[in-house]
Amino acid sequence: MKVAKKDVIKLHYIGKIKETGEIFDTTYEDVAKEAGIYNEKGIYGPVPIAVGAGHVIKGLDEALEGLEVGKKYTLEIPPEKAFGKRDPKLIKTFTIGQFRRQGIYPFPGLDVEIETESGKKLKGRVMSVSSGRVRVDFNHPFAGKTAVYEVEILEKIEDPIEKVKALIDLRIPRIDFEKVQIEVGEKDVKIDFGEQTLDPRTLVLGEILLESDLKFLGYETVKFKPTVEDLLKPPEVKIEEEKAEKAEPEVEKKAEEVPEEITKEAEEVKEIGEANEENTVENETKEE
């Protein structure tokens, strides 16, 4: 079974820099620990992706098409399709004073984040410090390098519901799936996340990315519950809405009780009216 664009697959990989052999990314926990790149907050294991959706670097995304499920491959990705070519224009010179005003004391090899006059933040690495000048390289640390990926394609997911679950797992990996309900139509998807304990901002970002992923697969309409708008509402607005929802049943109950009282009064009026009509008829008969 071959992999094609828009397929949802699960894979393991180890990403290395060809020139140095340095491992920069992996789905294997033990490999990450050995390479010194282990992240305690990271999630390790097979990663689900939609081929062609940009879930991995461009060169790897393209190289996956046509590969066989269940096989292992070693793929070389050139710089322009990995982390980009080195751009001399991204090497900038600053004064030491510009750093010290931000509380930074620069030295070669220091990773820094510089805020420009326009407020934009740039991440770079200090190349040299001399004569009151600091040279900073804002190229990606692996720019100009060839990436090598050892890849194993474990599975190609066919079931529509499982595809959606896989993409949720990719975008919101700590979601409680027991609370999630998914409906998949021919051109639409509905996802109810239920009452999750996640930070609402995490869910907002996840929904935005998920909608993009699902539309890439061909779905035209994607609906979430709670919606992004609901998640972004200020806490005080949510409290007021909850109070309003609790008050509604009481209003409905009162609305049901009122007609009953009115009905009784109406019946009494009706009886009086009927009696008056009878008296009127009797009086008219007597007069005749």
Protein backbone atom coordinates (compact mmCIF):
# COMPACT_ATOMS: atom_id res chain seq x y z
CA MET A 1 0.00 0.00 0.00
CA LYS A 2 1.52 3.29 -1.11
CA VAL A 3 1.22 6.69 0.54
CA ALA A 4 -0.48 9.49 -1.41
CA LYS A 5 -1.17 13.16 -0.81
CA LYS A 6 -4.01 13.77 1.70
CA ASP A 7 -3.53 10.33 3.26
CA VAL A 8 -3.54 10.28 7.07
CA ILE A 9 -0.67 8.10 8.29
CA LYS A 10 1.27 7.29 11.44
CA LEU A 11 5.05 7.21 11.37
CA HIS A 12 8.21 7.08 13.47
CA TYR A 13 11.27 9.11 12.52
CA ILE A 14 14.72 10.28 13.53
CA GLY A 15 15.90 13.59 12.08
CA LYS A 16 19.66 14.22 11.76
CA ILE A 17 22.00 16.81 10.23
CA LYS A 18 24.04 15.07 7.53
CA GLU A 19 27.17 17.20 7.99
CA THR A 20 27.48 16.60 11.76
CA GLY A 21 25.30 13.57 12.55
CA GLU A 22 23.49 15.67 15.18
CA ILE A 23 20.00 14.41 16.01
CA PHE A 24 17.61 17.36 16.16
CA ASP A 25 14.21 15.64 16.32
CA THR A 26 12.72 12.19 16.93
CA THR A 27 9.55 10.36 17.91
CA TYR A 28 11.52 7.78 19.95
CA GLU A 29 11.83 8.66 23.66
CA ASP A 30 14.99 6.60 24.23
CA VAL A 31 16.71 8.17 21.19
CA ALA A 32 15.81 11.66 22.43
CA LYS A 33 17.35 10.91 25.83
CA GLU A 34 20.56 9.54 24.30
CA ALA A 35 20.86 12.57 21.99
CA GLY A 36 20.32 15.01 24.84
CA ILE A 37 17.20 16.54 23.29
CA TYR A 38 14.62 14.89 25.57
CA ASN A 39 11.76 17.16 26.59
CA GLU A 40 9.87 16.22 29.75
CA LYS A 41 6.77 18.00 28.46
CA GLY A 42 7.07 16.37 25.05
CA ILE A 43 4.93 13.48 23.81
CA TYR A 44 6.77 10.57 22.22
CA GLY A 45 5.51 7.74 20.06
CA PRO A 46 4.15 7.35 16.50
CA VAL A 47 3.00 10.71 15.15
CA PRO A 48 -0.11 11.09 12.95
CA ILE A 49 0.08 13.47 9.98
CA ALA A 50 -1.87 14.32 6.84
CA VAL A 51 0.56 13.98 3.93
CA GLY A 52 0.99 17.29 2.13
CA ALA A 53 -0.61 19.39 4.89
CA GLY A 54 2.70 20.79 6.14
CA HIS A 55 2.80 18.85 9.40
CA VAL A 56 6.49 18.08 8.74
CA ILE A 57 9.17 20.03 6.86
CA LYS A 58 8.49 20.54 3.16
CA GLY A 59 11.12 18.12 1.81
CA LEU A 60 10.00 15.27 4.06
CA ASP A 61 6.33 15.95 3.27
CA GLU A 62 7.04 15.60 -0.44
CA ALA A 63 9.32 12.56 0.00
CA LEU A 64 6.60 10.57 1.81
CA GLU A 65 4.42 10.37 -1.30
CA GLY A 66 4.81 7.04 -3.04
CA LEU A 67 6.46 5.23 -0.11
CA GLU A 68 5.20 1.83 1.07
CA VAL A 69 3.36 1.41 4.36
CA GLY A 70 5.22 -0.91 6.74
CA LYS A 71 8.68 -0.15 5.36
CA LYS A 72 11.67 1.87 6.63
CA TYR A 73 13.46 4.52 4.59
CA THR A 74 16.43 6.90 4.84
CA LEU A 75 15.60 10.19 3.13
CA GLU A 76 17.95 13.10 2.37
CA ILE A 77 16.38 16.54 2.34
CA PRO A 78 18.38 19.40 0.69
CA PRO A 79 18.73 22.72 2.60
CA GLU A 80 16.21 24.61 0.48
CA LYS A 81 13.51 22.05 1.42
CA ALA A 82 14.69 21.58 5.00
CA PHE A 83 15.64 24.67 7.04
CA GLY A 84 16.49 26.98 4.16
CA LYS A 85 19.71 28.30 2.70
CA ARG A 86 21.88 30.69 4.70
CA ASP A 87 21.05 34.33 3.99
CA PRO A 88 23.89 36.84 4.63
CA LYS A 89 21.26 39.57 5.01
CA LEU A 90 20.08 37.89 8.21
CA ILE A 91 23.39 38.59 9.96
CA LYS A 92 22.98 41.92 11.77
CA THR A 93 25.29 44.13 13.85
CA PHE A 94 24.18 45.86 17.07
CA THR A 95 25.83 47.95 19.77
CA ILE A 96 26.40 46.42 23.21
CA GLY A 97 24.24 49.22 24.60
CA GLN A 98 21.22 47.95 22.67
CA PHE A 99 21.56 44.61 24.46
CA ARG A 100 22.27 46.01 27.91
CA ARG A 101 19.17 48.21 27.76
CA GLN A 102 17.21 44.96 27.52
CA GLY A 103 19.20 43.39 30.37
CA ILE A 104 21.26 41.12 28.08
CA TYR A 105 25.05 40.70 28.38
CA PRO A 106 26.05 39.09 25.06
CA PHE A 107 28.76 36.49 24.40
CA PRO A 108 29.46 34.22 21.39
CA GLY A 109 27.01 31.32 21.16
CA LEU A 110 24.31 33.02 23.26
CA ASP A 111 20.76 32.53 21.93
CA VAL A 112 18.96 35.87 22.04
CA GLU A 113 15.62 37.40 21.20
CA ILE A 114 15.83 40.98 19.94
CA GLU A 115 12.89 43.34 19.79
CA THR A 116 13.08 45.72 16.83
CA GLU A 117 11.88 49.32 16.80
CA SER A 118 8.64 48.17 15.15
CA GLY A 119 8.02 45.77 18.06
CA LYS A 120 8.83 42.60 16.10
CA LYS A 121 10.79 39.92 17.98
CA LEU A 122 13.65 38.09 16.25
CA LYS A 123 15.48 35.01 17.53
CA GLY A 124 19.15 34.65 16.74
CA ARG A 125 22.57 33.54 17.98
CA VAL A 126 25.47 35.81 18.90
CA MET A 127 28.40 35.24 16.51
CA SER A 128 30.96 37.68 17.94
CA VAL A 129 31.42 40.52 20.43
CA SER A 130 34.18 43.09 19.82
CA SER A 131 34.83 46.87 19.92
CA GLY A 132 31.40 47.49 21.39
CA ARG A 133 29.73 45.70 18.48
CA VAL A 134 27.70 42.50 18.54
CA ARG A 135 27.10 40.39 15.42
CA VAL A 136 23.95 38.25 15.55
CA ASP A 137 22.95 35.52 13.09
CA PHE A 138 19.17 35.33 12.61
CA ASN A 139 19.34 32.38 10.21
CA HIS A 140 17.89 29.08 11.44
CA PRO A 141 20.63 27.14 13.32
CA PHE A 142 20.46 24.42 10.66
CA ALA A 143 20.15 26.74 7.66
CA GLY A 144 22.33 25.56 4.77
CA LYS A 145 22.48 22.00 6.16
CA THR A 146 21.18 18.78 4.62
CA ALA A 147 18.65 16.94 6.78
CA VAL A 148 18.53 13.13 6.89
CA TYR A 149 15.37 11.36 8.10
CA GLU A 150 15.17 7.72 9.09
CA VAL A 151 11.45 7.04 8.60
CA GLU A 152 9.18 4.07 9.32
CA ILE A 153 5.60 4.31 8.01
CA LEU A 154 3.52 2.29 10.44
CA GLU A 155 -0.06 2.74 9.30
CA LYS A 156 -2.37 4.33 6.76
CA ILE A 157 -5.68 5.27 8.38
CA GLU A 158 -8.75 4.62 6.23
CA ASP A 159 -11.77 5.05 8.56
CA PRO A 160 -13.10 8.66 8.45
CA ILE A 161 -13.76 8.83 12.21
CA GLU A 162 -10.27 7.49 12.97
CA LYS A 163 -8.75 10.07 10.60
CA VAL A 164 -10.42 12.87 12.54
CA LYS A 165 -9.28 11.33 15.84
CA ALA A 166 -5.71 11.12 14.55
CA LEU A 167 -5.68 14.80 13.61
CA ILE A 168 -7.17 15.75 16.99
CA ASP A 169 -4.39 13.72 18.61
CA LEU A 170 -1.84 15.65 16.53
CA ARG A 171 -3.21 19.12 17.27
CA ILE A 172 -4.50 18.61 20.84
CA PRO A 173 -2.48 15.64 22.15
CA ARG A 174 -3.72 15.85 25.77
CA ILE A 175 -7.42 15.83 24.90
CA ASP A 176 -9.72 13.48 26.87
CA PHE A 177 -11.21 11.40 24.05
CA GLU A 178 -13.84 9.85 26.36
CA LYS A 179 -15.60 13.23 26.33
CA VAL A 180 -15.29 13.79 22.57
CA GLN A 181 -18.12 13.07 20.13
CA ILE A 182 -17.43 13.06 16.39
CA GLU A 183 -19.87 13.05 13.46
CA VAL A 184 -18.54 12.73 9.92
CA GLY A 185 -20.65 13.31 6.82
CA GLU A 186 -19.69 13.29 3.17
CA LYS A 187 -18.58 16.94 3.23
CA ASP A 188 -18.98 17.99 6.86
CA VAL A 189 -17.52 17.23 10.28
CA LYS A 190 -18.97 17.99 13.74
CA ILE A 191 -16.81 17.69 16.84
CA ASP A 192 -18.15 18.12 20.38
CA PHE A 193 -15.25 18.28 22.84
CA GLY A 194 -17.50 18.17 25.92
CA GLU A 195 -16.24 19.54 29.25
CA GLN A 196 -12.44 19.46 28.91
CA THR A 197 -9.97 20.55 31.61
CA LEU A 198 -7.57 22.04 29.05
CA ASP A 199 -6.66 25.72 28.96
CA PRO A 200 -9.30 27.32 26.66
CA ARG A 201 -6.48 28.97 24.66
CA THR A 202 -5.05 25.52 23.88
CA LEU A 203 -8.45 24.41 22.61
CA VAL A 204 -8.88 27.61 20.55
CA LEU A 205 -5.55 27.07 18.78
CA GLY A 206 -6.35 23.38 18.31
CA GLU A 207 -9.71 24.14 16.71
CA ILE A 208 -8.21 26.69 14.33
CA LEU A 209 -5.52 24.24 13.18
CA LEU A 210 -7.95 21.32 13.02
CA GLU A 211 -10.34 23.23 10.78
CA SER A 212 -7.48 23.92 8.37
CA ASP A 213 -6.42 20.23 8.43
CA LEU A 214 -9.93 18.90 7.84
CA LYS A 215 -10.59 21.29 4.98
CA PHE A 216 -7.29 20.17 3.45
CA LEU A 217 -8.71 16.63 3.46
CA GLY A 218 -11.75 17.87 1.50
CA TYR A 219 -14.39 18.62 4.13
CA GLU A 220 -16.27 21.84 3.35
CA THR A 221 -17.94 22.48 6.72
CA VAL A 222 -16.30 21.97 10.11
CA LYS A 223 -18.25 22.74 13.31
CA PHE A 224 -16.96 22.64 16.87
CA LYS A 225 -18.63 22.66 20.26
CA PRO A 226 -17.68 24.76 22.14
CA THR A 227 -16.96 27.19 19.30
CA VAL A 228 -13.89 29.43 19.16
CA GLU A 229 -16.21 32.37 19.95
CA ASP A 230 -17.52 30.59 23.08
CA LEU A 231 -14.00 29.81 24.26
CA LEU A 232 -12.87 33.42 23.79
CA LYS A 233 -15.73 34.91 25.84
CA PRO A 234 -14.60 36.69 29.04
CA PRO A 235 -15.32 34.72 32.27
CA GLU A 236 -17.88 37.32 33.47
CA VAL A 237 -19.89 36.92 30.25
CA LYS A 238 -19.93 33.13 30.68
CA ILE A 239 -21.16 33.51 34.29
CA GLU A 240 -24.01 35.79 33.19
CA GLU A 241 -25.02 33.36 30.44
CA GLU A 242 -25.01 30.44 32.88
CA LYS A 243 -27.24 32.42 35.26
CA ALA A 244 -29.59 33.21 32.40
CA GLU A 245 -29.77 29.54 31.41
CA LYS A 246 -30.60 28.52 35.00
CA ALA A 247 -33.29 31.18 35.22
CA GLU A 248 -35.05 30.07 32.02
CA PRO A 249 -36.66 26.88 33.47
CA GLU A 250 -38.17 28.95 36.35
CA VAL A 251 -39.66 31.43 33.87
CA GLU A 252 -41.09 28.55 31.83
CA LYS A 253 -42.55 26.99 34.97
CA LYS A 254 -44.28 30.25 35.95
CA ALA A 255 -45.51 30.64 32.41
CA GLU A 256 -47.12 27.22 32.69
CA GLU A 257 -48.78 28.04 36.06
CA VAL A 258 -50.37 31.33 34.94
CA PRO A 259 -52.60 29.84 32.23
CA GLU A 260 -54.02 27.39 34.83
CA GLU A 261 -55.23 30.28 37.05
CA ILE A 262 -56.54 32.18 34.06
CA THR A 263 -58.36 29.04 32.93
CA LYS A 264 -60.19 28.78 36.29
CA GLU A 265 -61.22 32.43 36.13
CA ALA A 266 -62.30 31.98 32.52
CA GLU A 267 -64.46 29.01 33.48
CA GLU A 268 -66.13 31.02 36.26
CA VAL A 269 -66.78 33.93 33.90
CA LYS A 270 -68.13 31.50 31.35
CA GLU A 271 -70.52 29.97 33.90
CA ILE A 272 -71.76 33.42 34.94
CA GLY A 273 -72.20 34.37 31.30
CA GLU A 274 -74.19 31.23 30.56
CA ALA A 275 -76.42 31.85 33.61
CA ASN A 276 -77.09 35.43 32.52
CA GLU A 277 -77.98 34.21 29.05
CA GLU A 278 -80.50 31.71 30.55
CA ASN A 279 -82.08 34.43 32.72
CA THR A 280 -82.34 36.74 29.73
CA VAL A 281 -84.09 34.02 27.68
CA GLU A 282 -86.52 33.28 30.53
CA ASN A 283 -87.35 36.98 30.95
CA GLU A 284 -87.95 37.38 27.24
CA THR A 285 -90.24 34.30 27.26
CA LYS A 286 -92.26 35.70 30.19
CA GLU A 287 -92.64 39.05 28.41
CA GLU A 288 -93.93 37.31 25.30
